[in-house]
């Protein structure tokens, strides 16, 4: 389903954002601070800043980052991120000990799990996992944020909070299926409601699958992998062009999308739609 959205021509009209959009000037406000000092530094948000603060301390997400156009843009951009991460990972050998729970004396699993859990706890303190497009691997271990809460636009049905398949990895890209599923449901609610009321997974899978467009996506990520991952030969450019070598096998990226990312994304979409009328 997200494959079909990516072919929508409106995606290519996505406006470019300048750094000024995220400017957050620091200003000095006279008078006493809450610490009893003569004055305090305060972040005064410019009108273009996506996160705005209300007088009651509530932060409001005004970025429109969860609109359908933004979701299409993010799905395309995440292709680049996934490929670059594969290229980075390909520089290192596989270290089995870091994934082995018995190799290091620490609580809660392997070294990799420990690092992810500790990182998530830090990020949780600055409100990362309150965003509806973020899904922690260890939600049961998260502390409460130290920042004021953010009021996000209510895009998804409340059932979205209960869907997390992080044990099957590639979290952000796959869980974006919730937003795509919601967009498709709003586009044709009558068709989807029939399958949802019957709890028919097979029918929903058929509605979400566009094989022709999925082939286009697999071809695109393979071409991107060739471009991003090609070893450049400066001294003999003709030889390099005739017989290029790659840091990773480009066809493996297409296989990752075809056999991993897209099926798991549809799994999230189905789980979301099955609960959409709750």
Protein backbone atom coordinates (compact mmCIF):
# COMPACT_ATOMS: atom_id res chain seq x y z
CA UNK A 1 0.00 0.00 0.00
CA UNK A 2 2.76 2.43 0.84
CA UNK A 3 4.17 1.50 -2.55
CA UNK A 4 1.15 3.01 -4.26
CA UNK A 5 1.41 6.18 -2.21
CA UNK A 6 5.00 6.69 -3.26
CA UNK A 7 3.96 6.93 -6.91
CA UNK A 8 1.54 9.79 -6.22
CA UNK A 9 2.73 12.81 -8.26
CA UNK A 10 1.97 15.19 -5.41
CA UNK A 11 4.99 13.85 -3.54
CA UNK A 12 7.36 15.59 -5.88
CA UNK A 13 5.85 18.97 -5.01
CA UNK A 14 7.15 18.62 -1.45
CA UNK A 15 8.51 22.02 -0.37
CA UNK A 16 12.13 22.31 0.65
CA UNK A 17 12.74 23.46 4.19
CA UNK A 18 15.45 25.92 5.06
CA UNK A 19 17.42 25.96 8.28
CA UNK A 20 15.53 29.10 9.19
CA UNK A 21 12.45 26.93 9.62
CA UNK A 22 14.09 25.44 12.68
CA UNK A 23 15.62 28.59 14.12
CA UNK A 24 15.28 28.93 17.89
CA UNK A 25 16.88 32.21 19.03
CA UNK A 26 17.92 32.61 22.66
CA UNK A 27 16.80 35.83 24.31
CA UNK A 28 17.50 37.35 27.72
CA UNK A 29 14.39 38.09 29.75
CA UNK A 30 14.79 40.58 32.63
CA UNK A 31 13.39 39.88 36.06
CA UNK A 32 13.82 36.91 38.35
CA UNK A 33 14.17 33.40 37.10
CA UNK A 34 12.57 30.46 38.86
CA UNK A 35 15.94 29.88 40.51
CA UNK A 36 15.89 33.34 42.14
CA UNK A 37 18.59 34.78 39.89
CA UNK A 38 18.36 38.32 38.44
CA UNK A 39 17.47 37.11 35.00
CA UNK A 40 17.20 33.96 32.93
CA UNK A 41 17.80 32.70 29.43
CA UNK A 42 14.67 31.72 27.56
CA UNK A 43 14.14 30.07 24.19
CA UNK A 44 11.74 32.24 22.23
CA UNK A 45 10.34 30.22 19.37
CA UNK A 46 10.03 31.92 16.02
CA UNK A 47 6.69 31.69 14.17
CA UNK A 48 8.16 29.11 11.78
CA UNK A 49 9.37 26.79 14.52
CA UNK A 50 7.53 23.43 14.36
CA UNK A 51 7.25 23.01 18.16
CA UNK A 52 5.45 25.88 19.89
CA UNK A 53 4.98 26.47 23.61
CA UNK A 54 1.71 27.53 25.16
CA UNK A 55 1.45 29.64 28.28
CA UNK A 56 0.62 26.54 30.29
CA UNK A 57 3.90 24.91 29.28
CA UNK A 58 2.31 22.56 26.75
CA UNK A 59 4.31 22.18 23.56
CA UNK A 60 2.31 21.85 20.34
CA UNK A 61 3.62 20.13 17.22
CA UNK A 62 2.76 22.54 14.39
CA UNK A 63 5.15 21.01 11.87
CA UNK A 64 2.51 19.07 9.89
CA UNK A 65 5.06 16.24 9.78
CA UNK A 66 2.30 13.63 9.97
CA UNK A 67 0.35 14.73 6.91
CA UNK A 68 0.03 12.33 3.99
CA UNK A 69 2.45 14.34 1.85
CA UNK A 70 4.98 14.28 4.67
CA UNK A 71 4.56 10.52 5.12
CA UNK A 72 5.28 9.93 1.43
CA UNK A 73 8.35 12.13 1.70
CA UNK A 74 9.57 10.31 4.79
CA UNK A 75 9.15 6.86 3.22
CA UNK A 76 11.33 7.88 0.27
CA UNK A 77 13.91 9.51 2.53
CA UNK A 78 14.08 6.45 4.75
CA UNK A 79 15.17 4.40 1.74
CA UNK A 80 18.35 6.48 1.67
CA UNK A 81 18.83 6.13 5.44
CA UNK A 82 18.47 2.35 5.33
CA UNK A 83 20.94 2.01 2.46
CA UNK A 84 23.51 4.29 4.11
CA UNK A 85 23.19 2.34 7.36
CA UNK A 86 23.81 -0.89 5.47
CA UNK A 87 26.90 0.67 3.90
CA UNK A 88 28.15 1.76 7.33
CA UNK A 89 27.53 -1.66 8.84
CA UNK A 90 29.30 -3.40 5.96
CA UNK A 91 32.60 -1.88 7.11
CA UNK A 92 32.69 -4.14 10.17
CA UNK A 93 32.87 -7.87 10.68
CA UNK A 94 30.12 -9.74 12.46
CA UNK A 95 30.84 -9.92 16.19
CA UNK A 96 28.74 -12.75 17.61
CA UNK A 97 29.73 -12.04 21.21
CA UNK A 98 27.92 -8.69 21.25
CA UNK A 99 24.64 -10.52 20.56
CA UNK A 100 25.29 -13.34 23.05
CA UNK A 101 23.61 -12.96 26.45
CA UNK A 102 26.33 -15.06 28.12
CA UNK A 103 29.40 -13.26 26.76
CA UNK A 104 29.30 -10.28 29.14
CA UNK A 105 28.29 -9.99 32.78
CA UNK A 106 25.42 -7.51 32.66
CA UNK A 107 21.74 -7.60 33.43
CA UNK A 108 19.04 -7.79 30.81
CA UNK A 109 20.62 -9.59 27.89
CA UNK A 110 23.43 -9.02 25.42
CA UNK A 111 25.78 -6.06 25.00
CA UNK A 112 23.72 -4.83 22.03
CA UNK A 113 20.51 -5.00 24.07
CA UNK A 114 22.20 -3.16 26.94
CA UNK A 115 23.38 -0.35 24.65
CA UNK A 116 19.98 0.02 22.99
CA UNK A 117 18.13 -0.02 26.31
CA UNK A 118 20.42 2.61 27.87
CA UNK A 119 20.21 4.79 24.74
CA UNK A 120 16.42 4.59 24.72
CA UNK A 121 16.27 5.61 28.37
CA UNK A 122 18.32 8.71 27.61
CA UNK A 123 16.22 9.60 24.56
CA UNK A 124 13.00 9.01 26.50
CA UNK A 125 13.97 11.76 28.95
CA UNK A 126 13.88 14.29 26.11
CA UNK A 127 10.48 13.11 24.87
CA UNK A 128 11.50 11.07 21.82
CA UNK A 129 9.08 8.20 22.39
CA UNK A 130 6.02 10.36 22.95
CA UNK A 131 6.06 11.05 19.22
CA UNK A 132 3.54 8.78 17.42
CA UNK A 133 6.12 7.73 14.81
CA UNK A 134 8.66 6.44 17.37
CA UNK A 135 8.62 2.90 18.78
CA UNK A 136 11.13 1.83 21.45
CA UNK A 137 12.50 -1.69 21.64
CA UNK A 138 12.19 -1.65 25.44
CA UNK A 139 9.02 0.35 26.22
CA UNK A 140 8.77 -1.17 29.69
CA UNK A 141 12.12 0.41 30.71
CA UNK A 142 11.47 4.03 29.75
CA UNK A 143 11.57 6.88 32.28
CA UNK A 144 9.18 9.81 32.10
CA UNK A 145 10.34 12.84 30.03
CA UNK A 146 11.88 15.84 31.75
CA UNK A 147 10.45 18.23 29.12
CA UNK A 148 6.89 19.54 29.01
CA UNK A 149 4.55 17.29 27.00
CA UNK A 150 3.96 17.86 23.30
CA UNK A 151 0.47 17.94 21.84
CA UNK A 152 0.66 16.06 18.53
CA UNK A 153 -2.11 16.14 15.92
CA UNK A 154 -4.47 13.18 16.34
CA UNK A 155 -3.84 11.43 13.02
CA UNK A 156 -4.17 7.79 14.06
CA UNK A 157 -6.89 5.83 15.80
CA UNK A 158 -6.05 5.19 19.47
CA UNK A 159 -5.41 1.49 18.72
CA UNK A 160 -2.07 2.52 17.14
CA UNK A 161 -0.46 2.79 20.58
CA UNK A 162 -0.85 -0.96 21.11
CA UNK A 163 0.93 -2.00 17.90
CA UNK A 164 4.67 -2.58 18.19
CA UNK A 165 6.47 -5.36 16.29
CA UNK A 166 10.00 -4.22 17.13
CA UNK A 167 11.14 -7.79 17.72
CA UNK A 168 11.02 -8.01 13.93
CA UNK A 169 13.29 -4.92 13.53
CA UNK A 170 13.65 -1.88 11.20
CA UNK A 171 11.30 -0.08 13.51
CA UNK A 172 10.59 3.38 12.13
CA UNK A 173 10.17 2.43 8.47
CA UNK A 174 7.91 -0.52 9.21
CA UNK A 175 5.73 1.22 11.79
CA UNK A 176 5.07 4.03 9.32
CA UNK A 177 2.58 1.54 7.93
CA UNK A 178 0.14 2.81 10.56
CA UNK A 179 0.00 6.22 8.92
CA UNK A 180 -0.30 4.77 5.43
CA UNK A 181 -3.08 2.45 6.59
CA UNK A 182 -4.98 5.35 8.15
CA UNK A 183 -4.65 7.35 4.93
CA UNK A 184 -5.95 4.47 2.82
CA UNK A 185 -8.83 3.84 5.23
CA UNK A 186 -9.93 7.48 4.99
CA UNK A 187 -9.65 7.30 1.19
CA UNK A 188 -12.12 4.38 0.91
CA UNK A 189 -13.66 3.58 4.31
CA UNK A 190 -16.57 1.52 2.95
CA UNK A 191 -14.31 -1.04 1.26
CA UNK A 192 -12.06 -1.41 4.27
CA UNK A 193 -14.92 -1.52 6.80
CA UNK A 194 -16.30 -4.68 5.21
CA UNK A 195 -13.01 -6.52 5.61
CA UNK A 196 -12.45 -5.10 9.10
CA UNK A 197 -15.87 -6.15 10.41
CA UNK A 198 -15.24 -9.66 9.10
CA UNK A 199 -11.68 -9.56 10.54
CA UNK A 200 -10.55 -10.85 7.15
CA UNK A 201 -6.75 -10.62 7.00
CA UNK A 202 -6.59 -12.12 3.52
CA UNK A 203 -8.94 -9.53 2.07
CA UNK A 204 -7.04 -6.70 3.77
CA UNK A 205 -3.75 -8.04 2.43
CA UNK A 206 -5.22 -8.02 -1.06
CA UNK A 207 -6.37 -4.42 -0.66
CA UNK A 208 -2.92 -3.37 0.53
CA UNK A 209 -0.85 -5.16 -2.11
CA UNK A 210 0.19 -3.54 -5.40
CA UNK A 211 2.73 -5.91 -6.94
CA UNK A 212 3.62 -3.70 -9.91
CA UNK A 213 4.48 -0.73 -7.73
CA UNK A 214 6.35 -2.92 -5.25
CA UNK A 215 8.58 -4.03 -8.13
CA UNK A 216 9.24 -0.37 -8.92
CA UNK A 217 10.30 0.26 -5.32
CA UNK A 218 12.63 -2.75 -5.30
CA UNK A 219 14.20 -1.57 -8.54
CA UNK A 220 14.62 1.95 -7.17
CA UNK A 221 16.36 0.88 -3.96
CA UNK A 222 18.64 -1.43 -5.95
CA UNK A 223 19.64 1.46 -8.23
CA UNK A 224 20.20 3.68 -5.19
CA UNK A 225 22.41 1.00 -3.62
CA UNK A 226 24.48 0.88 -6.82
CA UNK A 227 24.91 4.66 -6.84
CA UNK A 228 25.56 5.12 -3.11
CA UNK A 229 27.70 2.01 -2.69
CA UNK A 230 29.89 2.02 -5.79
CA UNK A 231 33.64 1.98 -5.22
CA UNK A 232 35.07 4.95 -7.13
CA UNK A 233 38.29 4.48 -9.10
CA UNK A 234 39.85 7.88 -9.77
CA UNK A 235 42.98 6.78 -11.64
CA UNK A 236 41.18 4.63 -14.18
CA UNK A 237 37.59 5.85 -14.54
CA UNK A 238 36.93 3.84 -17.73
CA UNK A 239 37.77 0.54 -16.02
CA UNK A 240 35.65 1.47 -13.01
CA UNK A 241 32.65 2.27 -15.20
CA UNK A 242 32.97 -0.94 -17.21
CA UNK A 243 33.38 -3.25 -14.20
CA UNK A 244 32.07 -1.49 -11.08
CA UNK A 245 32.48 -2.95 -7.63
CA UNK A 246 30.15 -2.28 -4.70
CA UNK A 247 30.51 -2.12 -0.94
CA UNK A 248 27.31 -4.18 -0.62
CA UNK A 249 25.46 -6.32 -3.13
CA UNK A 250 22.73 -4.01 -4.54
CA UNK A 251 20.37 -6.92 -5.17
CA UNK A 252 20.40 -7.70 -1.44
CA UNK A 253 18.82 -4.31 -0.73
CA UNK A 254 16.00 -5.09 -3.15
CA UNK A 255 15.63 -8.50 -1.49
CA UNK A 256 15.51 -6.86 1.94
CA UNK A 257 12.63 -4.68 0.79
CA UNK A 258 10.79 -7.43 -1.05
CA UNK A 259 11.10 -10.15 1.60
CA UNK A 260 11.42 -8.09 4.77
CA UNK A 261 10.45 -4.45 4.88
CA UNK A 262 7.34 -4.42 2.70
CA UNK A 263 5.78 -7.63 4.12
CA UNK A 264 6.38 -6.44 7.69
CA UNK A 265 4.96 -3.02 6.86
CA UNK A 266 1.81 -4.68 5.56
CA UNK A 267 1.66 -6.73 8.74
CA UNK A 268 1.57 -3.49 10.75
CA UNK A 269 -1.05 -2.08 8.39
CA UNK A 270 -3.27 -5.14 8.83
CA UNK A 271 -2.92 -5.09 12.63
CA UNK A 272 -3.88 -1.42 12.62
CA UNK A 273 -6.86 -1.81 10.31
CA UNK A 274 -8.23 -4.82 12.22
CA UNK A 275 -8.56 -2.53 15.25
CA UNK A 276 -9.53 0.62 13.37
CA UNK A 277 -13.24 0.35 14.22
CA UNK A 278 -12.73 -0.49 17.91
